[in-house]
């Protein structure tokens, strides 16, 4: 249990943290895609200067369902690791948000696995699942309700 009950986070800080984390996720997926592409095309990169390939001309060895599954595993690992470790992604830390179960405890992997697809759906439907928090008396978004969790606003640290 948490020592102190914090207020439920508002919609705007949640969206700001999601955008922040989106930039981080882009960087993670970029590196995760670039490294195998470079390693699997090492011979092609070693050609003479007259026939050198640039990165966008490399063969795409990673594609199809296996590649999509690889990226999905990275996304789940990213959010799951942060949420299970401290309840906060880097974007959530920047906005002083924390994810916890409705009982105030750390979220479980089951909650993570429910929360992620619902949060993605909520975000890609023009944020409808986030806007729902304005209509809900407890300030819950779709992913909060589906995963029995909540995002709370942490207090500012005193300097």
C-alpha atoms as a PDB file:
ATOM      1  CA  UNK A   1       0.000   0.000   0.000  1.00  0.00           C
ATOM      2  CA  UNK A   2       1.110   3.535  -0.588  1.00  0.00           C
ATOM      3  CA  UNK A   3       1.844   5.588   2.495  1.00  0.00           C
ATOM      4  CA  UNK A   4      -0.191   8.505   1.204  1.00  0.00           C
ATOM      5  CA  UNK A   5      -3.094   8.657  -1.234  1.00  0.00           C
ATOM      6  CA  UNK A   6      -2.209  10.887  -4.181  1.00  0.00           C
ATOM      7  CA  UNK A   7      -4.792  12.523  -6.457  1.00  0.00           C
ATOM      8  CA  UNK A   8      -5.629  10.923  -9.789  1.00  0.00           C
ATOM      9  CA  UNK A   9      -3.643  12.538 -12.616  1.00  0.00           C
ATOM     10  CA  UNK A  10      -5.380  14.808 -15.083  1.00  0.00           C
ATOM     11  CA  UNK A  11      -5.792  14.182 -18.792  1.00  0.00           C
ATOM     12  CA  UNK A  12      -3.211  16.721 -20.020  1.00  0.00           C
ATOM     13  CA  UNK A  13      -0.291  15.435 -17.925  1.00  0.00           C
ATOM     14  CA  UNK A  14      -1.128  11.874 -19.018  1.00  0.00           C
ATOM     15  CA  UNK A  15      -1.113  12.860 -22.680  1.00  0.00           C
ATOM     16  CA  UNK A  16       2.095  14.864 -22.259  1.00  0.00           C
ATOM     17  CA  UNK A  17       3.796  11.858 -20.654  1.00  0.00           C
ATOM     18  CA  UNK A  18       2.488   9.612 -23.455  1.00  0.00           C
ATOM     19  CA  UNK A  19       3.957  11.932 -26.106  1.00  0.00           C
ATOM     20  CA  UNK A  20       7.272  12.090 -24.215  1.00  0.00           C
ATOM     21  CA  UNK A  21       7.344   8.293 -23.991  1.00  0.00           C
ATOM     22  CA  UNK A  22       6.411   8.089 -27.669  1.00  0.00           C
ATOM     23  CA  UNK A  23       9.609   9.933 -28.579  1.00  0.00           C
ATOM     24  CA  UNK A  24      11.615   7.589 -26.358  1.00  0.00           C
ATOM     25  CA  UNK A  25       9.887   4.550 -27.866  1.00  0.00           C
ATOM     26  CA  UNK A  26      10.678   5.832 -31.371  1.00  0.00           C
ATOM     27  CA  UNK A  27      14.365   6.037 -30.428  1.00  0.00           C
ATOM     28  CA  UNK A  28      14.342   2.536 -28.914  1.00  0.00           C
ATOM     29  CA  UNK A  29      12.627   1.043 -31.974  1.00  0.00           C
ATOM     30  CA  UNK A  30      14.920   2.968 -34.327  1.00  0.00           C
ATOM     31  CA  UNK A  31      18.048   1.538 -32.699  1.00  0.00           C
ATOM     32  CA  UNK A  32      16.433  -1.897 -32.396  1.00  0.00           C
ATOM     33  CA  UNK A  33      15.766  -1.835 -36.152  1.00  0.00           C
ATOM     34  CA  UNK A  34      19.015  -0.222 -37.259  1.00  0.00           C
ATOM     35  CA  UNK A  35      21.442  -2.569 -35.504  1.00  0.00           C
ATOM     36  CA  UNK A  36      20.142  -5.824 -37.052  1.00  0.00           C
ATOM     37  CA  UNK A  37      19.861  -4.139 -40.465  1.00  0.00           C
ATOM     38  CA  UNK A  38      23.494  -3.041 -40.292  1.00  0.00           C
ATOM     39  CA  UNK A  39      24.716  -6.393 -38.968  1.00  0.00           C
ATOM     40  CA  UNK A  40      22.814  -8.417 -41.549  1.00  0.00           C
ATOM     41  CA  UNK A  41      24.053  -6.174 -44.386  1.00  0.00           C
ATOM     42  CA  UNK A  42      27.694  -5.922 -43.276  1.00  0.00           C
ATOM     43  CA  UNK A  43      29.041  -7.335 -46.565  1.00  0.00           C
ATOM     44  CA  UNK A  44      27.053  -4.836 -48.598  1.00  0.00           C
ATOM     45  CA  UNK A  45      28.420  -1.951 -46.514  1.00  0.00           C
ATOM     46  CA  UNK A  46      32.007  -3.053 -47.176  1.00  0.00           C
ATOM     47  CA  UNK A  47      31.869  -2.427 -50.930  1.00  0.00           C
ATOM     48  CA  UNK A  48      34.163   0.020 -52.685  1.00  0.00           C
ATOM     49  CA  UNK A  49      33.437   3.749 -52.312  1.00  0.00           C
ATOM     50  CA  UNK A  50      32.059   3.855 -55.845  1.00  0.00           C
ATOM     51  CA  UNK A  51      29.317   1.354 -55.001  1.00  0.00           C
ATOM     52  CA  UNK A  52      28.799   2.118 -51.324  1.00  0.00           C
ATOM     53  CA  UNK A  53      25.254   1.773 -50.139  1.00  0.00           C
ATOM     54  CA  UNK A  54      23.608   4.178 -47.828  1.00  0.00           C
ATOM     55  CA  UNK A  55      21.460   2.977 -44.984  1.00  0.00           C
ATOM     56  CA  UNK A  56      18.142   3.597 -46.745  1.00  0.00           C
ATOM     57  CA  UNK A  57      19.306   1.401 -49.660  1.00  0.00           C
ATOM     58  CA  UNK A  58      20.036  -1.629 -47.482  1.00  0.00           C
ATOM     59  CA  UNK A  59      18.020  -4.783 -47.835  1.00  0.00           C
ATOM     60  CA  UNK A  60      15.295  -5.039 -45.232  1.00  0.00           C
ATOM     61  CA  UNK A  61      16.028  -8.442 -43.674  1.00  0.00           C
ATOM     62  CA  UNK A  62      13.606  -7.815 -40.850  1.00  0.00           C
ATOM     63  CA  UNK A  63      10.040  -7.640 -42.029  1.00  0.00           C
ATOM     64  CA  UNK A  64       6.751  -9.459 -41.805  1.00  0.00           C
ATOM     65  CA  UNK A  65       5.109 -10.968 -38.760  1.00  0.00           C
ATOM     66  CA  UNK A  66       8.373 -11.970 -37.039  1.00  0.00           C
ATOM     67  CA  UNK A  67       9.683  -8.413 -37.223  1.00  0.00           C
ATOM     68  CA  UNK A  68       6.374  -7.027 -35.963  1.00  0.00           C
ATOM     69  CA  UNK A  69       6.449  -9.511 -33.078  1.00  0.00           C
ATOM     70  CA  UNK A  70      10.037  -8.455 -32.280  1.00  0.00           C
ATOM     71  CA  UNK A  71       9.006  -4.788 -32.093  1.00  0.00           C
ATOM     72  CA  UNK A  72       5.920  -5.639 -30.036  1.00  0.00           C
ATOM     73  CA  UNK A  73       8.065  -7.545 -27.535  1.00  0.00           C
ATOM     74  CA  UNK A  74      10.322  -4.489 -27.226  1.00  0.00           C
ATOM     75  CA  UNK A  75       7.346  -2.211 -26.582  1.00  0.00           C
ATOM     76  CA  UNK A  76       5.906  -4.542 -23.934  1.00  0.00           C
ATOM     77  CA  UNK A  77       9.348  -4.933 -22.337  1.00  0.00           C
ATOM     78  CA  UNK A  78       9.891  -1.153 -22.264  1.00  0.00           C
ATOM     79  CA  UNK A  79       6.609  -0.291 -20.577  1.00  0.00           C
ATOM     80  CA  UNK A  80       6.457  -3.461 -18.494  1.00  0.00           C
ATOM     81  CA  UNK A  81       9.947  -2.997 -17.090  1.00  0.00           C
ATOM     82  CA  UNK A  82       9.364   0.629 -16.104  1.00  0.00           C
ATOM     83  CA  UNK A  83       5.865   0.072 -14.729  1.00  0.00           C
ATOM     84  CA  UNK A  84       6.864  -3.031 -12.759  1.00  0.00           C
ATOM     85  CA  UNK A  85      10.114  -1.508 -11.490  1.00  0.00           C
ATOM     86  CA  UNK A  86       8.921   1.875 -10.259  1.00  0.00           C
ATOM     87  CA  UNK A  87       5.446   2.513 -11.662  1.00  0.00           C
ATOM     88  CA  UNK A  88       6.906   5.247 -13.860  1.00  0.00           C
ATOM     89  CA  UNK A  89       8.239   5.506 -17.386  1.00  0.00           C
ATOM     90  CA  UNK A  90      10.674   8.324 -18.111  1.00  0.00           C
ATOM     91  CA  UNK A  91       7.842  10.485 -19.427  1.00  0.00           C
ATOM     92  CA  UNK A  92       5.820   9.791 -16.301  1.00  0.00           C
ATOM     93  CA  UNK A  93       8.798  10.757 -14.147  1.00  0.00           C
ATOM     94  CA  UNK A  94       9.106  14.061 -15.994  1.00  0.00           C
ATOM     95  CA  UNK A  95       5.433  14.819 -15.343  1.00  0.00           C
ATOM     96  CA  UNK A  96       5.471  13.368 -11.795  1.00  0.00           C
ATOM     97  CA  UNK A  97       2.970  10.625 -12.611  1.00  0.00           C
ATOM     98  CA  UNK A  98       2.910   7.121 -11.199  1.00  0.00           C
ATOM     99  CA  UNK A  99       0.987   4.018 -12.217  1.00  0.00           C
ATOM    100  CA  UNK A 100      -0.349   1.859  -9.411  1.00  0.00           C
ATOM    101  CA  UNK A 101      -3.063  -0.724  -8.918  1.00  0.00           C
ATOM    102  CA  UNK A 102      -6.354   0.495  -7.483  1.00  0.00           C
ATOM    103  CA  UNK A 103      -5.223  -0.903  -4.120  1.00  0.00           C
ATOM    104  CA  UNK A 104      -2.143   1.347  -4.241  1.00  0.00           C
ATOM    105  CA  UNK A 105       0.288  -1.499  -4.892  1.00  0.00           C
ATOM    106  CA  UNK A 106       2.654  -2.072  -7.792  1.00  0.00           C
ATOM    107  CA  UNK A 107       0.920  -3.223 -10.981  1.00  0.00           C
ATOM    108  CA  UNK A 108       1.236  -6.875 -12.007  1.00  0.00           C
ATOM    109  CA  UNK A 109       2.333  -8.216 -15.383  1.00  0.00           C
ATOM    110  CA  UNK A 110      -1.285  -9.172 -16.014  1.00  0.00           C
ATOM    111  CA  UNK A 111      -2.319  -5.542 -15.512  1.00  0.00           C
ATOM    112  CA  UNK A 112       0.496  -4.404 -17.821  1.00  0.00           C
ATOM    113  CA  UNK A 113      -0.645  -6.838 -20.527  1.00  0.00           C
ATOM    114  CA  UNK A 114      -4.220  -5.552 -20.275  1.00  0.00           C
ATOM    115  CA  UNK A 115      -3.282  -1.884 -19.992  1.00  0.00           C
ATOM    116  CA  UNK A 116      -0.983  -1.685 -23.038  1.00  0.00           C
ATOM    117  CA  UNK A 117      -3.420  -2.674 -25.816  1.00  0.00           C
ATOM    118  CA  UNK A 118      -6.274  -0.700 -24.253  1.00  0.00           C
ATOM    119  CA  UNK A 119      -4.009   2.365 -23.902  1.00  0.00           C
ATOM    120  CA  UNK A 120      -2.920   2.020 -27.541  1.00  0.00           C
ATOM    121  CA  UNK A 121      -6.550   1.815 -28.655  1.00  0.00           C
ATOM    122  CA  UNK A 122      -7.475   4.762 -26.415  1.00  0.00           C
ATOM    123  CA  UNK A 123      -4.654   6.851 -27.877  1.00  0.00           C
ATOM    124  CA  UNK A 124      -5.230   5.981 -31.532  1.00  0.00           C
ATOM    125  CA  UNK A 125      -8.948   6.739 -31.312  1.00  0.00           C
ATOM    126  CA  UNK A 126      -7.997  10.413 -31.110  1.00  0.00           C
ATOM    127  CA  UNK A 127      -7.388  10.093 -27.376  1.00  0.00           C
ATOM    128  CA  UNK A 128     -11.005   9.089 -26.659  1.00  0.00           C
ATOM    129  CA  UNK A 129      -9.947   6.735 -23.877  1.00  0.00           C
ATOM    130  CA  UNK A 130      -8.007   9.538 -22.233  1.00  0.00           C
ATOM    131  CA  UNK A 131     -10.795  12.118 -22.666  1.00  0.00           C
ATOM    132  CA  UNK A 132     -13.094   9.635 -20.933  1.00  0.00           C
ATOM    133  CA  UNK A 133     -11.381  10.577 -17.655  1.00  0.00           C
ATOM    134  CA  UNK A 134     -13.239  13.901 -17.811  1.00  0.00           C
ATOM    135  CA  UNK A 135     -16.568  12.046 -17.834  1.00  0.00           C
ATOM    136  CA  UNK A 136     -15.723   9.434 -15.211  1.00  0.00           C
ATOM    137  CA  UNK A 137     -16.447  10.515 -11.631  1.00  0.00           C
ATOM    138  CA  UNK A 138     -13.206   8.883 -10.445  1.00  0.00           C
ATOM    139  CA  UNK A 139     -11.132  10.380 -13.290  1.00  0.00           C
ATOM    140  CA  UNK A 140     -10.357   6.980 -14.834  1.00  0.00           C
ATOM    141  CA  UNK A 141      -9.359   6.420 -18.448  1.00  0.00           C
ATOM    142  CA  UNK A 142     -10.277   3.286 -20.407  1.00  0.00           C
ATOM    143  CA  UNK A 143      -6.947   1.649 -19.638  1.00  0.00           C
ATOM    144  CA  UNK A 144      -7.348   2.435 -15.935  1.00  0.00           C
ATOM    145  CA  UNK A 145     -10.747   0.745 -15.830  1.00  0.00           C
ATOM    146  CA  UNK A 146      -9.699  -2.260 -17.926  1.00  0.00           C
ATOM    147  CA  UNK A 147      -6.552  -2.986 -15.899  1.00  0.00           C
ATOM    148  CA  UNK A 148      -7.813  -2.039 -12.411  1.00  0.00           C
ATOM    149  CA  UNK A 149      -5.074   0.543 -12.107  1.00  0.00           C
ATOM    150  CA  UNK A 150      -4.759   4.299 -11.871  1.00  0.00           C
ATOM    151  CA  UNK A 151      -2.293   7.044 -12.682  1.00  0.00           C
ATOM    152  CA  UNK A 152      -1.677   9.399  -9.779  1.00  0.00           C
ATOM    153  CA  UNK A 153      -0.070  12.824  -9.638  1.00  0.00           C
ATOM    154  CA  UNK A 154       2.928  12.950  -7.311  1.00  0.00           C
ATOM    155  CA  UNK A 155       3.707  16.130  -5.366  1.00  0.00           C
ATOM    156  CA  UNK A 156       6.486  18.512  -6.349  1.00  0.00           C
ATOM    157  CA  UNK A 157       9.752  17.963  -4.514  1.00  0.00           C
ATOM    158  CA  UNK A 158      10.690  20.723  -2.136  1.00  0.00           C
ATOM    159  CA  UNK A 159      13.996  22.380  -2.980  1.00  0.00           C
END
